[in-house]
Amino acid sequence: MTVNPIAHIHTDFKEKFGIPRQAGRVPELTGRIIFEPEFRNPEALRGITEFSHLWLIFDFSASHRETWSPTVRPPRLGGNQRIGVFASRSPFRPNPIGLSCVKLEGIENGDLLVSGVDLLDNTPILDIKPYLPYTDSHPEASGSYGEILKNYHLEVHFPEEKLSAIPEEKQKAVIACLADDPRPSYQDDPERLYSMRFAEFDIHFKVNQHQLEVIRVDKYSE
């Protein structure tokens, strides 16, 4: 079987650390889907704006491995408890394929503009399908360990003099990403300095209980 990307998505995340664990957790995060020349045909998008949300089927391109494990350790369970890989959304799978539901914001120059993304910059998109509310939504469904921290957020203290270094249109998104707590659940050292790369910035922060404090904002340099 040969599967080729139809597009790549461009986001503000150049590294995996800090990416929301699920699509829609941070509605302010945006992405641009740019189609490969072979699939850059306006006819392929006819009618797509009649749907508010889309399913993105993508390649976990930064998580390819030669082997796979039947069990994984979800970060939200503290990184210690193992569950079956098929009972998880881990990127480390026999076939590293992911699924994200995003909101369609519009079409610009043949590109799809979407929000609520949870993908690394330049992630290959394998397919796009419309989200159908009457079949794809199941409010009565149970979510196992995914429900544990559904409403969990940190209180973010981002001093104005540091926040002002970030373009205004990206400020809400970066604060929401920090509030979603990018740390692995098993890390809880109030003295540890974390660094999250967002767009062209490195955001350095500490977390004490439920309080996140931004310590420094640097312009990223290769």
N, C-alpha and C. Protein backbone atom coordinates (compact mmCIF):
# COMPACT_ATOMS: atom_id res chain seq x y z
N MET A 1 0.85 -1.19 0.00
CA MET A 1 0.00 0.00 0.00
C MET A 1 0.89 1.24 0.00
N THR A 2 0.60 2.16 -0.90
CA THR A 2 1.34 3.42 -0.96
C THR A 2 0.37 4.56 -0.70
N VAL A 3 0.69 5.40 0.29
CA VAL A 3 -0.14 6.55 0.62
C VAL A 3 0.72 7.79 0.51
N ASN A 4 0.29 8.74 -0.29
CA ASN A 4 1.04 9.97 -0.49
C ASN A 4 0.29 11.15 0.11
N PRO A 5 0.99 12.10 0.72
CA PRO A 5 0.32 13.28 1.27
C PRO A 5 -0.40 14.06 0.17
N ILE A 6 -1.57 14.57 0.51
CA ILE A 6 -2.27 15.46 -0.41
C ILE A 6 -1.94 16.91 -0.10
N ALA A 7 -1.42 17.15 1.12
CA ALA A 7 -1.15 18.52 1.56
C ALA A 7 -0.24 18.49 2.77
N HIS A 8 0.18 19.66 3.21
CA HIS A 8 0.90 19.82 4.48
C HIS A 8 0.24 20.98 5.22
N ILE A 9 0.20 20.87 6.55
CA ILE A 9 -0.38 21.94 7.34
C ILE A 9 0.73 22.75 8.00
N HIS A 10 0.57 24.04 8.02
CA HIS A 10 1.56 24.92 8.65
C HIS A 10 0.95 25.56 9.89
N THR A 11 1.65 25.39 11.01
CA THR A 11 1.17 25.88 12.30
C THR A 11 2.30 26.62 13.01
N ASP A 12 2.02 27.10 14.22
CA ASP A 12 3.03 27.82 15.00
C ASP A 12 3.90 26.89 15.83
N PHE A 13 3.73 25.58 15.69
CA PHE A 13 4.52 24.65 16.50
C PHE A 13 5.61 23.99 15.67
N LYS A 14 6.86 24.32 16.01
CA LYS A 14 8.02 23.74 15.33
C LYS A 14 8.54 22.53 16.09
N GLU A 15 8.09 22.35 17.32
CA GLU A 15 8.47 21.22 18.16
C GLU A 15 7.21 20.62 18.79
N LYS A 16 7.31 19.35 19.23
CA LYS A 16 6.13 18.67 19.76
C LYS A 16 5.71 19.21 21.13
N PHE A 17 6.68 19.65 21.93
CA PHE A 17 6.36 20.13 23.28
C PHE A 17 5.45 21.36 23.19
N GLY A 18 4.32 21.30 23.87
CA GLY A 18 3.41 22.42 23.90
C GLY A 18 2.20 22.27 23.00
N ILE A 19 2.25 21.32 22.08
CA ILE A 19 1.09 21.12 21.20
C ILE A 19 -0.07 20.57 22.04
N PRO A 20 -1.27 21.12 21.90
CA PRO A 20 -2.40 20.59 22.66
C PRO A 20 -2.57 19.10 22.41
N ARG A 21 -3.01 18.38 23.43
CA ARG A 21 -3.09 16.92 23.34
C ARG A 21 -4.24 16.45 22.45
N GLN A 22 -5.19 17.34 22.20
CA GLN A 22 -6.30 16.99 21.31
C GLN A 22 -6.69 18.24 20.52
N ALA A 23 -7.21 18.02 19.34
CA ALA A 23 -7.72 19.13 18.54
C ALA A 23 -8.91 19.78 19.25
N GLY A 24 -9.04 21.08 19.11
CA GLY A 24 -10.15 21.81 19.70
C GLY A 24 -9.91 22.27 21.12
N ARG A 25 -8.85 21.78 21.78
CA ARG A 25 -8.57 22.20 23.15
C ARG A 25 -8.22 23.70 23.19
N VAL A 26 -7.58 24.17 22.12
CA VAL A 26 -7.21 25.59 22.04
C VAL A 26 -7.78 26.13 20.73
N PRO A 27 -9.01 26.64 20.76
CA PRO A 27 -9.65 27.11 19.52
C PRO A 27 -8.88 28.23 18.84
N GLU A 28 -8.06 28.98 19.60
CA GLU A 28 -7.34 30.12 19.03
C GLU A 28 -6.19 29.71 18.13
N LEU A 29 -5.77 28.45 18.19
CA LEU A 29 -4.65 28.00 17.36
C LEU A 29 -5.11 27.81 15.92
N THR A 30 -4.36 28.38 14.99
CA THR A 30 -4.75 28.32 13.58
C THR A 30 -3.72 27.57 12.76
N GLY A 31 -4.14 27.15 11.58
CA GLY A 31 -3.24 26.47 10.65
C GLY A 31 -3.66 26.74 9.22
N ARG A 32 -2.73 26.57 8.32
CA ARG A 32 -2.99 26.73 6.88
C ARG A 32 -2.63 25.44 6.18
N ILE A 33 -3.59 24.85 5.50
CA ILE A 33 -3.36 23.60 4.77
C ILE A 33 -3.06 23.95 3.32
N ILE A 34 -1.83 23.61 2.88
CA ILE A 34 -1.39 23.91 1.53
C ILE A 34 -1.30 22.60 0.74
N PHE A 35 -2.06 22.52 -0.33
CA PHE A 35 -2.14 21.29 -1.11
C PHE A 35 -0.91 21.10 -1.99
N GLU A 36 -0.59 19.82 -2.21
CA GLU A 36 0.45 19.48 -3.17
C GLU A 36 -0.05 19.81 -4.58
N PRO A 37 0.85 20.12 -5.51
CA PRO A 37 0.43 20.53 -6.86
C PRO A 37 -0.58 19.58 -7.50
N GLU A 38 -0.40 18.29 -7.31
CA GLU A 38 -1.29 17.30 -7.93
C GLU A 38 -2.74 17.44 -7.46
N PHE A 39 -2.89 17.92 -6.21
CA PHE A 39 -4.23 17.98 -5.61
C PHE A 39 -4.72 19.42 -5.45
N ARG A 40 -3.97 20.36 -5.99
CA ARG A 40 -4.34 21.77 -5.86
C ARG A 40 -5.33 22.13 -6.97
N ASN A 41 -6.53 21.64 -6.81
CA ASN A 41 -7.58 21.81 -7.81
C ASN A 41 -8.83 22.36 -7.12
N PRO A 42 -9.29 23.55 -7.51
CA PRO A 42 -10.47 24.14 -6.86
C PRO A 42 -11.69 23.22 -6.87
N GLU A 43 -11.79 22.38 -7.89
CA GLU A 43 -12.94 21.48 -7.97
C GLU A 43 -12.96 20.49 -6.80
N ALA A 44 -11.79 20.16 -6.28
CA ALA A 44 -11.72 19.20 -5.17
C ALA A 44 -12.29 19.79 -3.87
N LEU A 45 -12.43 21.12 -3.83
CA LEU A 45 -12.96 21.78 -2.65
C LEU A 45 -14.39 22.27 -2.83
N ARG A 46 -14.99 21.94 -3.95
CA ARG A 46 -16.35 22.40 -4.21
C ARG A 46 -17.29 21.89 -3.11
N GLY A 47 -18.00 22.82 -2.46
CA GLY A 47 -18.97 22.46 -1.42
C GLY A 47 -18.38 22.35 -0.02
N ILE A 48 -17.08 22.47 0.14
CA ILE A 48 -16.48 22.22 1.45
C ILE A 48 -16.85 23.31 2.46
N THR A 49 -17.09 24.53 2.00
CA THR A 49 -17.43 25.61 2.92
C THR A 49 -18.84 25.47 3.50
N GLU A 50 -19.59 24.49 3.04
CA GLU A 50 -20.89 24.22 3.63
C GLU A 50 -20.78 23.43 4.93
N PHE A 51 -19.56 22.99 5.24
CA PHE A 51 -19.29 22.27 6.49
C PHE A 51 -18.50 23.19 7.43
N SER A 52 -18.84 23.16 8.70
CA SER A 52 -18.15 24.01 9.68
C SER A 52 -16.85 23.38 10.17
N HIS A 53 -16.79 22.03 10.17
CA HIS A 53 -15.62 21.33 10.70
C HIS A 53 -15.18 20.23 9.73
N LEU A 54 -13.90 19.89 9.86
CA LEU A 54 -13.31 18.87 8.99
C LEU A 54 -12.52 17.86 9.81
N TRP A 55 -12.48 16.63 9.32
CA TRP A 55 -11.56 15.63 9.84
C TRP A 55 -10.26 15.69 9.02
N LEU A 56 -9.14 15.78 9.71
CA LEU A 56 -7.84 15.69 9.06
C LEU A 56 -7.22 14.34 9.40
N ILE A 57 -6.90 13.58 8.40
CA ILE A 57 -6.18 12.32 8.58
C ILE A 57 -4.73 12.60 8.21
N PHE A 58 -3.82 12.36 9.14
CA PHE A 58 -2.45 12.82 8.94
C PHE A 58 -1.42 11.79 9.35
N ASP A 59 -0.20 12.06 8.96
CA ASP A 59 0.93 11.20 9.29
C ASP A 59 1.66 11.78 10.49
N PHE A 60 1.83 10.98 11.55
CA PHE A 60 2.68 11.39 12.68
C PHE A 60 4.13 11.34 12.21
N SER A 61 4.50 12.28 11.37
CA SER A 61 5.79 12.21 10.67
C SER A 61 6.99 12.33 11.59
N ALA A 62 6.81 12.92 12.77
CA ALA A 62 7.93 13.07 13.71
C ALA A 62 8.00 11.91 14.69
N SER A 63 7.16 10.89 14.50
CA SER A 63 7.09 9.79 15.46
C SER A 63 7.28 8.42 14.81
N HIS A 64 7.88 8.38 13.63
CA HIS A 64 8.11 7.09 12.98
C HIS A 64 9.13 6.26 13.76
N ARG A 65 8.86 4.97 13.88
CA ARG A 65 9.77 4.04 14.55
C ARG A 65 9.84 2.76 13.74
N GLU A 66 10.92 2.03 13.91
CA GLU A 66 11.10 0.76 13.20
C GLU A 66 10.22 -0.34 13.80
N THR A 67 9.95 -0.22 15.10
CA THR A 67 9.15 -1.24 15.77
C THR A 67 7.97 -0.57 16.48
N TRP A 68 7.06 -1.41 17.00
CA TRP A 68 5.95 -0.86 17.75
C TRP A 68 5.74 -1.68 19.01
N SER A 69 5.06 -1.08 19.99
CA SER A 69 4.79 -1.76 21.25
C SER A 69 3.28 -1.91 21.42
N PRO A 70 2.82 -3.06 21.93
CA PRO A 70 1.37 -3.25 22.12
C PRO A 70 0.80 -2.38 23.24
N THR A 71 1.66 -1.83 24.09
CA THR A 71 1.17 -0.95 25.17
C THR A 71 1.93 0.37 25.14
N VAL A 72 1.28 1.41 25.65
CA VAL A 72 1.88 2.73 25.75
C VAL A 72 1.56 3.31 27.12
N ARG A 73 2.24 4.41 27.48
CA ARG A 73 2.02 5.05 28.77
C ARG A 73 1.51 6.47 28.53
N PRO A 74 0.20 6.69 28.54
CA PRO A 74 -0.35 8.03 28.28
C PRO A 74 0.17 9.04 29.30
N PRO A 75 0.64 10.19 28.84
CA PRO A 75 1.12 11.24 29.76
C PRO A 75 0.07 11.66 30.77
N ARG A 76 -1.21 11.66 30.38
CA ARG A 76 -2.26 12.10 31.28
C ARG A 76 -2.53 11.11 32.41
N LEU A 77 -1.93 9.91 32.33
CA LEU A 77 -2.02 8.96 33.44
C LEU A 77 -0.73 8.95 34.24
N GLY A 78 0.04 10.01 34.09
CA GLY A 78 1.27 10.15 34.87
C GLY A 78 2.48 9.50 34.25
N GLY A 79 2.32 8.87 33.09
CA GLY A 79 3.45 8.26 32.42
C GLY A 79 3.88 6.94 33.03
N ASN A 80 3.08 6.40 33.95
CA ASN A 80 3.46 5.16 34.63
C ASN A 80 2.54 4.00 34.27
N GLN A 81 1.27 4.27 34.07
CA GLN A 81 0.29 3.21 33.79
C GLN A 81 0.25 2.89 32.30
N ARG A 82 0.34 1.61 31.99
CA ARG A 82 0.30 1.18 30.59
C ARG A 82 -1.10 0.77 30.17
N ILE A 83 -1.45 1.14 28.94
CA ILE A 83 -2.70 0.68 28.34
C ILE A 83 -2.39 0.21 26.92
N GLY A 84 -3.33 -0.46 26.31
CA GLY A 84 -3.13 -0.95 24.95
C GLY A 84 -3.02 0.20 23.95
N VAL A 85 -2.16 0.03 22.98
CA VAL A 85 -1.95 1.09 22.00
C VAL A 85 -3.24 1.44 21.27
N PHE A 86 -4.12 0.45 21.07
CA PHE A 86 -5.37 0.72 20.36
C PHE A 86 -6.44 1.32 21.28
N ALA A 87 -6.11 1.44 22.58
CA ALA A 87 -6.98 2.15 23.51
C ALA A 87 -6.39 3.52 23.82
N SER A 88 -5.53 4.00 22.94
CA SER A 88 -4.84 5.27 23.14
C SER A 88 -4.83 6.08 21.85
N ARG A 89 -4.39 7.33 21.98
CA ARG A 89 -4.17 8.18 20.82
C ARG A 89 -2.69 8.46 20.64
N SER A 90 -1.88 7.58 21.17
CA SER A 90 -0.43 7.72 21.06
C SER A 90 0.00 7.78 19.60
N PRO A 91 1.01 8.61 19.28
CA PRO A 91 1.52 8.64 17.90
C PRO A 91 2.36 7.41 17.56
N PHE A 92 2.76 6.66 18.58
CA PHE A 92 3.63 5.50 18.35
C PHE A 92 2.77 4.26 18.13
N ARG A 93 2.38 4.07 16.87
CA ARG A 93 1.43 3.04 16.49
C ARG A 93 2.02 2.17 15.38
N PRO A 94 1.41 0.99 15.12
CA PRO A 94 1.91 0.19 13.99
C PRO A 94 1.92 0.99 12.69
N ASN A 95 0.87 1.77 12.46
CA ASN A 95 0.82 2.72 11.35
C ASN A 95 0.62 4.10 11.98
N PRO A 96 1.62 4.98 11.90
CA PRO A 96 1.55 6.26 12.62
C PRO A 96 0.60 7.26 11.95
N ILE A 97 -0.70 6.95 12.05
CA ILE A 97 -1.72 7.78 11.42
C ILE A 97 -2.55 8.44 12.52
N GLY A 98 -2.80 9.74 12.35
CA GLY A 98 -3.57 10.49 13.33
C GLY A 98 -4.86 11.03 12.73
N LEU A 99 -5.75 11.46 13.63
CA LEU A 99 -7.07 11.96 13.23
C LEU A 99 -7.38 13.18 14.09
N SER A 100 -7.66 14.31 13.45
CA SER A 100 -8.00 15.53 14.18
C SER A 100 -9.22 16.19 13.56
N CYS A 101 -10.08 16.71 14.43
CA CYS A 101 -11.24 17.48 13.97
C CYS A 101 -10.94 18.95 14.17
N VAL A 102 -10.98 19.73 13.10
CA VAL A 102 -10.67 21.16 13.16
C VAL A 102 -11.83 21.96 12.59
N LYS A 103 -11.85 23.24 12.92
CA LYS A 103 -12.88 24.13 12.38
C LYS A 103 -12.39 24.77 11.09
N LEU A 104 -13.22 24.77 10.08
CA LEU A 104 -12.87 25.40 8.81
C LEU A 104 -13.19 26.89 8.90
N GLU A 105 -12.17 27.72 8.75
CA GLU A 105 -12.34 29.16 8.82
C GLU A 105 -12.51 29.80 7.45
N GLY A 106 -12.08 29.09 6.40
CA GLY A 106 -12.24 29.65 5.06
C GLY A 106 -11.21 29.10 4.09
N ILE A 107 -11.28 29.63 2.87
CA ILE A 107 -10.35 29.27 1.81
C ILE A 107 -9.64 30.55 1.35
N GLU A 108 -8.33 30.47 1.21
CA GLU A 108 -7.56 31.62 0.76
C GLU A 108 -6.51 31.15 -0.24
N ASN A 109 -6.63 31.64 -1.46
CA ASN A 109 -5.67 31.29 -2.52
C ASN A 109 -5.51 29.77 -2.68
N GLY A 110 -6.61 29.06 -2.53
CA GLY A 110 -6.58 27.61 -2.69
C GLY A 110 -6.15 26.85 -1.45
N ASP A 111 -5.80 27.56 -0.37
CA ASP A 111 -5.41 26.92 0.90
C ASP A 111 -6.61 26.89 1.83
N LEU A 112 -6.66 25.89 2.71
CA LEU A 112 -7.69 25.83 3.74
C LEU A 112 -7.16 26.47 5.01
N LEU A 113 -7.93 27.40 5.57
CA LEU A 113 -7.60 28.02 6.84
C LEU A 113 -8.44 27.35 7.92
N VAL A 114 -7.78 26.81 8.94
CA VAL A 114 -8.48 26.05 9.98
C VAL A 114 -8.06 26.53 11.36
N SER A 115 -8.86 26.19 12.37
CA SER A 115 -8.53 26.56 13.75
C SER A 115 -8.78 25.37 14.67
N GLY A 116 -8.27 25.51 15.90
CA GLY A 116 -8.36 24.41 16.86
C GLY A 116 -7.38 23.30 16.56
N VAL A 117 -6.26 23.64 15.92
CA VAL A 117 -5.32 22.61 15.46
C VAL A 117 -4.48 22.04 16.60
N ASP A 118 -3.97 20.86 16.40
CA ASP A 118 -3.09 20.20 17.38
C ASP A 118 -1.95 19.50 16.65
N LEU A 119 -1.43 20.13 15.60
CA LEU A 119 -0.47 19.48 14.73
C LEU A 119 0.84 20.26 14.63
N LEU A 120 1.91 19.50 14.49
CA LEU A 120 3.24 20.06 14.28
C LEU A 120 3.31 20.74 12.92
N ASP A 121 4.08 21.81 12.85
CA ASP A 121 4.25 22.49 11.57
C ASP A 121 4.77 21.53 10.50
N ASN A 122 4.20 21.63 9.32
CA ASN A 122 4.59 20.84 8.15
C ASN A 122 4.18 19.38 8.24
N THR A 123 3.20 19.07 9.07
CA THR A 123 2.68 17.70 9.15
C THR A 123 2.02 17.31 7.83
N PRO A 124 2.33 16.12 7.29
CA PRO A 124 1.68 15.67 6.05
C PRO A 124 0.22 15.32 6.29
N ILE A 125 -0.65 15.84 5.46
CA ILE A 125 -2.08 15.52 5.51
C ILE A 125 -2.35 14.44 4.46
N LEU A 126 -2.94 13.33 4.91
CA LEU A 126 -3.20 12.20 4.00
C LEU A 126 -4.58 12.27 3.37
N ASP A 127 -5.54 12.86 4.10
CA ASP A 127 -6.89 12.98 3.56
C ASP A 127 -7.66 13.99 4.39
N ILE A 128 -8.73 14.50 3.81
CA ILE A 128 -9.62 15.46 4.47
C ILE A 128 -11.05 15.00 4.23
N LYS A 129 -11.83 14.95 5.31
CA LYS A 129 -13.23 14.53 5.18
C LYS A 129 -14.10 15.50 6.00
N PRO A 130 -15.33 15.75 5.55
CA PRO A 130 -16.21 16.64 6.32
C PRO A 130 -16.69 15.98 7.61
N TYR A 131 -16.82 16.80 8.63
CA TYR A 131 -17.38 16.36 9.91
C TYR A 131 -18.90 16.43 9.82
N LEU A 132 -19.57 15.33 10.16
CA LEU A 132 -21.03 15.25 10.10
C LEU A 132 -21.59 15.18 11.51
N PRO A 133 -22.21 16.25 12.00
CA PRO A 133 -22.67 16.28 13.40
C PRO A 133 -23.61 15.14 13.77
N TYR A 134 -24.47 14.73 12.86
CA TYR A 134 -25.47 13.73 13.24
C TYR A 134 -24.92 12.32 13.33
N THR A 135 -23.72 12.08 12.79
CA THR A 135 -23.12 10.74 12.92
C THR A 135 -21.81 10.77 13.69
N ASP A 136 -21.07 11.87 13.60
CA ASP A 136 -19.73 11.91 14.21
C ASP A 136 -19.75 12.35 15.66
N SER A 137 -20.87 12.89 16.14
CA SER A 137 -20.96 13.36 17.52
C SER A 137 -21.81 12.40 18.34
N HIS A 138 -21.27 11.98 19.49
CA HIS A 138 -21.98 11.06 20.38
C HIS A 138 -21.86 11.59 21.82
N PRO A 139 -22.74 12.50 22.23
CA PRO A 139 -22.64 13.11 23.56
C PRO A 139 -22.69 12.10 24.69
N GLU A 140 -23.29 10.94 24.44
CA GLU A 140 -23.44 9.93 25.50
C GLU A 140 -22.20 9.05 25.65
N ALA A 141 -21.21 9.24 24.78
CA ALA A 141 -20.03 8.37 24.77
C ALA A 141 -19.19 8.55 26.03
N SER A 142 -18.54 7.47 26.48
CA SER A 142 -17.62 7.54 27.62
C SER A 142 -16.19 7.69 27.10
N GLY A 143 -15.38 8.43 27.86
CA GLY A 143 -14.04 8.76 27.39
C GLY A 143 -12.91 8.23 28.24
N SER A 144 -13.19 7.27 29.14
CA SER A 144 -12.15 6.64 29.96
C SER A 144 -11.22 7.69 30.58
N TYR A 145 -9.91 7.44 30.50
CA TYR A 145 -8.95 8.35 31.16
C TYR A 145 -8.93 9.73 30.52
N GLY A 146 -9.46 9.86 29.29
CA GLY A 146 -9.50 11.16 28.65
C GLY A 146 -10.40 12.16 29.37
N GLU A 147 -11.30 11.64 30.24
CA GLU A 147 -12.21 12.52 30.96
C GLU A 147 -11.60 13.09 32.23
N ILE A 148 -10.48 12.49 32.67
CA ILE A 148 -9.93 12.83 33.99
C ILE A 148 -9.62 14.32 34.12
N LEU A 149 -8.98 14.87 33.11
CA LEU A 149 -8.56 16.26 33.18
C LEU A 149 -9.23 17.12 32.11
N LYS A 150 -10.46 16.76 31.77
CA LYS A 150 -11.16 17.45 30.68
C LYS A 150 -11.24 18.96 30.92
N ASN A 151 -11.50 19.35 32.17
CA ASN A 151 -11.66 20.77 32.48
C ASN A 151 -10.47 21.37 33.23
N TYR A 152 -9.35 20.64 33.20
CA TYR A 152 -8.17 21.10 33.93
C TYR A 152 -7.44 22.19 33.16
N HIS A 153 -7.13 23.30 33.84
CA HIS A 153 -6.34 24.37 33.25
C HIS A 153 -5.48 25.03 34.33
N LEU A 154 -4.36 25.58 33.90
CA LEU A 154 -3.51 26.35 34.80
C LEU A 154 -3.90 27.82 34.72
N GLU A 155 -3.61 28.53 35.80
CA GLU A 155 -3.75 29.99 35.79
C GLU A 155 -2.43 30.58 35.32
N VAL A 156 -2.47 31.31 34.22
CA VAL A 156 -1.26 31.81 33.58
C VAL A 156 -0.99 33.25 33.98
N HIS A 157 0.22 33.49 34.48
CA HIS A 157 0.67 34.85 34.76
C HIS A 157 1.72 35.20 33.70
N PHE A 158 1.33 36.07 32.78
CA PHE A 158 2.18 36.44 31.65
C PHE A 158 2.35 37.95 31.70
N PRO A 159 3.43 38.43 32.34
CA PRO A 159 3.61 39.88 32.49
C PRO A 159 3.50 40.62 31.16
N GLU A 160 2.85 41.76 31.18
CA GLU A 160 2.57 42.51 29.97
C GLU A 160 3.83 42.86 29.19
N GLU A 161 4.91 43.18 29.91
CA GLU A 161 6.15 43.55 29.21
C GLU A 161 6.75 42.37 28.45
N LYS A 162 6.44 41.16 28.86
CA LYS A 162 6.90 39.97 28.15
C LYS A 162 5.91 39.59 27.06
N LEU A 163 4.63 39.67 27.37
CA LEU A 163 3.59 39.32 26.41
C LEU A 163 3.65 40.23 25.18
N SER A 164 4.02 41.48 25.37
CA SER A 164 4.05 42.44 24.27
C SER A 164 5.08 42.10 23.20
N ALA A 165 6.00 41.18 23.51
CA ALA A 165 7.00 40.76 22.52
C ALA A 165 6.37 39.88 21.45
N ILE A 166 5.19 39.33 21.75
CA ILE A 166 4.51 38.42 20.83
C ILE A 166 3.45 39.20 20.06
N PRO A 167 3.33 38.97 18.75
CA PRO A 167 2.31 39.69 17.97
C PRO A 167 0.93 39.55 18.60
N GLU A 168 0.17 40.63 18.59
CA GLU A 168 -1.11 40.67 19.28
C GLU A 168 -2.05 39.56 18.82
N GLU A 169 -2.02 39.23 17.52
CA GLU A 169 -2.95 38.22 17.01
C GLU A 169 -2.61 36.81 17.48
N LYS A 170 -1.43 36.63 18.10
CA LYS A 170 -1.03 35.31 18.58
C LYS A 170 -1.05 35.22 20.11
N GLN A 171 -1.34 36.31 20.79
CA GLN A 171 -1.24 36.32 22.24
C GLN A 171 -2.27 35.41 22.91
N LYS A 172 -3.53 35.44 22.47
CA LYS A 172 -4.54 34.58 23.08
C LYS A 172 -4.21 33.11 22.90
N ALA A 173 -3.66 32.77 21.74
CA ALA A 173 -3.33 31.37 21.47
C ALA A 173 -2.21 30.88 22.37
N VAL A 174 -1.17 31.68 22.54
CA VAL A 174 -0.05 31.22 23.36
C VAL A 174 -0.46 31.11 24.82
N ILE A 175 -1.29 32.02 25.31
CA ILE A 175 -1.77 31.93 26.69
C ILE A 175 -2.63 30.69 26.87
N ALA A 176 -3.49 30.40 25.90
CA ALA A 176 -4.35 29.21 25.99
C ALA A 176 -3.52 27.93 25.97
N CYS A 177 -2.45 27.90 25.19
CA CYS A 177 -1.59 26.71 25.16
C CYS A 177 -0.90 26.50 26.50
N LEU A 178 -0.46 27.58 27.11
CA LEU A 178 0.18 27.47 28.42
C LEU A 178 -0.84 27.04 29.48
N ALA A 179 -2.05 27.57 29.40
CA ALA A 179 -3.08 27.20 30.36
C ALA A 179 -3.45 25.72 30.26
N ASP A 180 -3.27 25.14 29.08
CA ASP A 180 -3.58 23.72 28.88
C ASP A 180 -2.52 22.81 29.49
N ASP A 181 -1.45 23.40 30.02
CA ASP A 181 -0.37 22.69 30.72
C ASP A 181 0.39 21.73 29.81
N PRO A 182 1.41 22.23 29.12
CA PRO A 182 2.16 21.38 28.18
C PRO A 182 3.06 20.35 28.84
N ARG A 183 3.24 20.42 30.16
CA ARG A 183 4.15 19.49 30.84
C ARG A 183 3.59 18.07 30.85
N PRO A 184 4.46 17.05 30.84
CA PRO A 184 4.00 15.69 31.14
C PRO A 184 3.44 15.66 32.57
N SER A 185 2.42 14.87 32.79
CA SER A 185 1.74 14.87 34.09
C SER A 185 2.65 14.44 35.23
N TYR A 186 3.70 13.68 34.91
CA TYR A 186 4.57 13.18 35.97
C TYR A 186 5.63 14.20 36.38
N GLN A 187 5.69 15.36 35.75
CA GLN A 187 6.66 16.38 36.12
C GLN A 187 5.96 17.46 36.94
N ASP A 188 6.44 17.65 38.17
CA ASP A 188 5.80 18.61 39.07
C ASP A 188 6.83 19.27 39.97
N ASP A 189 7.89 19.77 39.37
CA ASP A 189 8.96 20.44 40.11
C ASP A 189 8.79 21.95 39.96
N PRO A 190 8.44 22.65 41.03
CA PRO A 190 8.19 24.10 40.92
C PRO A 190 9.42 24.91 40.54
N GLU A 191 10.60 24.32 40.69
CA GLU A 191 11.83 25.04 40.34
C GLU A 191 12.31 24.76 38.92
N ARG A 192 11.66 23.83 38.26
CA ARG A 192 12.11 23.48 36.91
C ARG A 192 11.67 24.55 35.91
N LEU A 193 12.61 24.94 35.05
CA LEU A 193 12.32 25.92 34.01
C LEU A 193 12.03 25.19 32.71
N TYR A 194 10.83 25.39 32.19
CA TYR A 194 10.41 24.76 30.94
C TYR A 194 10.53 25.76 29.79
N SER A 195 10.64 25.22 28.58
CA SER A 195 10.70 26.08 27.41
C SER A 195 9.77 25.52 26.34
N MET A 196 8.87 26.37 25.87
CA MET A 196 7.94 25.98 24.81
C MET A 196 8.18 26.88 23.61
N ARG A 197 8.47 26.28 22.47
CA ARG A 197 8.65 27.06 21.26
C ARG A 197 7.29 27.30 20.61
N PHE A 198 6.98 28.56 20.37
CA PHE A 198 5.72 28.94 19.74
C PHE A 198 6.01 29.99 18.69
N ALA A 199 5.66 29.67 17.44
CA ALA A 199 6.01 30.55 16.30
C ALA A 199 7.51 30.79 16.34
N GLU A 200 7.94 32.05 16.34
CA GLU A 200 9.38 32.33 16.34
C GLU A 200 9.90 32.67 17.73
N PHE A 201 9.17 32.21 18.77
CA PHE A 201 9.54 32.56 20.14
C PHE A 201 9.78 31.32 21.00
N ASP A 202 10.65 31.47 21.99
CA ASP A 202 10.83 30.49 23.05
C ASP A 202 10.22 31.08 24.31
N ILE A 203 9.21 30.41 24.85
CA ILE A 203 8.52 30.87 26.06
C ILE A 203 9.05 30.05 27.23
N HIS A 204 9.72 30.70 28.17
CA HIS A 204 10.28 30.01 29.34
C HIS A 204 9.35 30.24 30.53
N PHE A 205 9.02 29.16 31.25
CA PHE A 205 8.05 29.29 32.33
C PHE A 205 8.30 28.28 33.44
N LYS A 206 7.71 28.58 34.60
CA LYS A 206 7.71 27.67 35.74
C LYS A 206 6.26 27.44 36.17
N VAL A 207 6.04 26.30 36.84
CA VAL A 207 4.70 25.98 37.32
C VAL A 207 4.78 25.59 38.79
N ASN A 208 3.98 26.28 39.61
CA ASN A 208 3.89 25.95 41.03
C ASN A 208 2.42 25.67 41.35
N GLN A 209 2.13 24.40 41.61
CA GLN A 209 0.76 23.94 41.80
C GLN A 209 -0.06 24.30 40.55
N HIS A 210 -1.04 25.17 40.64
CA HIS A 210 -1.87 25.50 39.48
C HIS A 210 -1.53 26.87 38.90
N GLN A 211 -0.36 27.39 39.27
CA GLN A 211 0.04 28.72 38.80
C GLN A 211 1.23 28.58 37.84
N LEU A 212 1.04 29.08 36.61
CA LEU A 212 2.13 29.09 35.64
C LEU A 212 2.62 30.53 35.49
N GLU A 213 3.91 30.73 35.64
CA GLU A 213 4.50 32.07 35.50
C GLU A 213 5.50 32.08 34.36
N VAL A 214 5.30 32.99 33.43
CA VAL A 214 6.25 33.15 32.33
C VAL A 214 7.45 33.94 32.84
N ILE A 215 8.62 33.35 32.67
CA ILE A 215 9.85 33.95 33.19
C ILE A 215 10.56 34.80 32.13
N ARG A 216 10.53 34.30 30.90
CA ARG A 216 11.31 34.97 29.84
C ARG A 216 10.73 34.62 28.48
N VAL A 217 10.82 35.55 27.56
CA VAL A 217 10.43 35.31 26.17
C VAL A 217 11.62 35.68 25.29
N ASP A 218 12.12 34.70 24.54
CA ASP A 218 13.25 34.93 23.63
C ASP A 218 12.82 34.75 22.19
N LYS A 219 13.44 35.50 21.33
CA LYS A 219 13.24 35.27 19.90
C LYS A 219 14.03 34.03 19.54
N TYR A 220 13.39 33.07 18.88
CA TYR A 220 14.05 31.80 18.58
C TYR A 220 15.14 32.00 17.55
N SER A 221 16.26 31.34 17.78
CA SER A 221 17.35 31.37 16.82
C SER A 221 17.81 29.96 16.55
N GLU A 222 18.07 29.63 15.28
CA GLU A 222 18.48 28.28 14.90
C GLU A 222 19.85 27.94 15.51
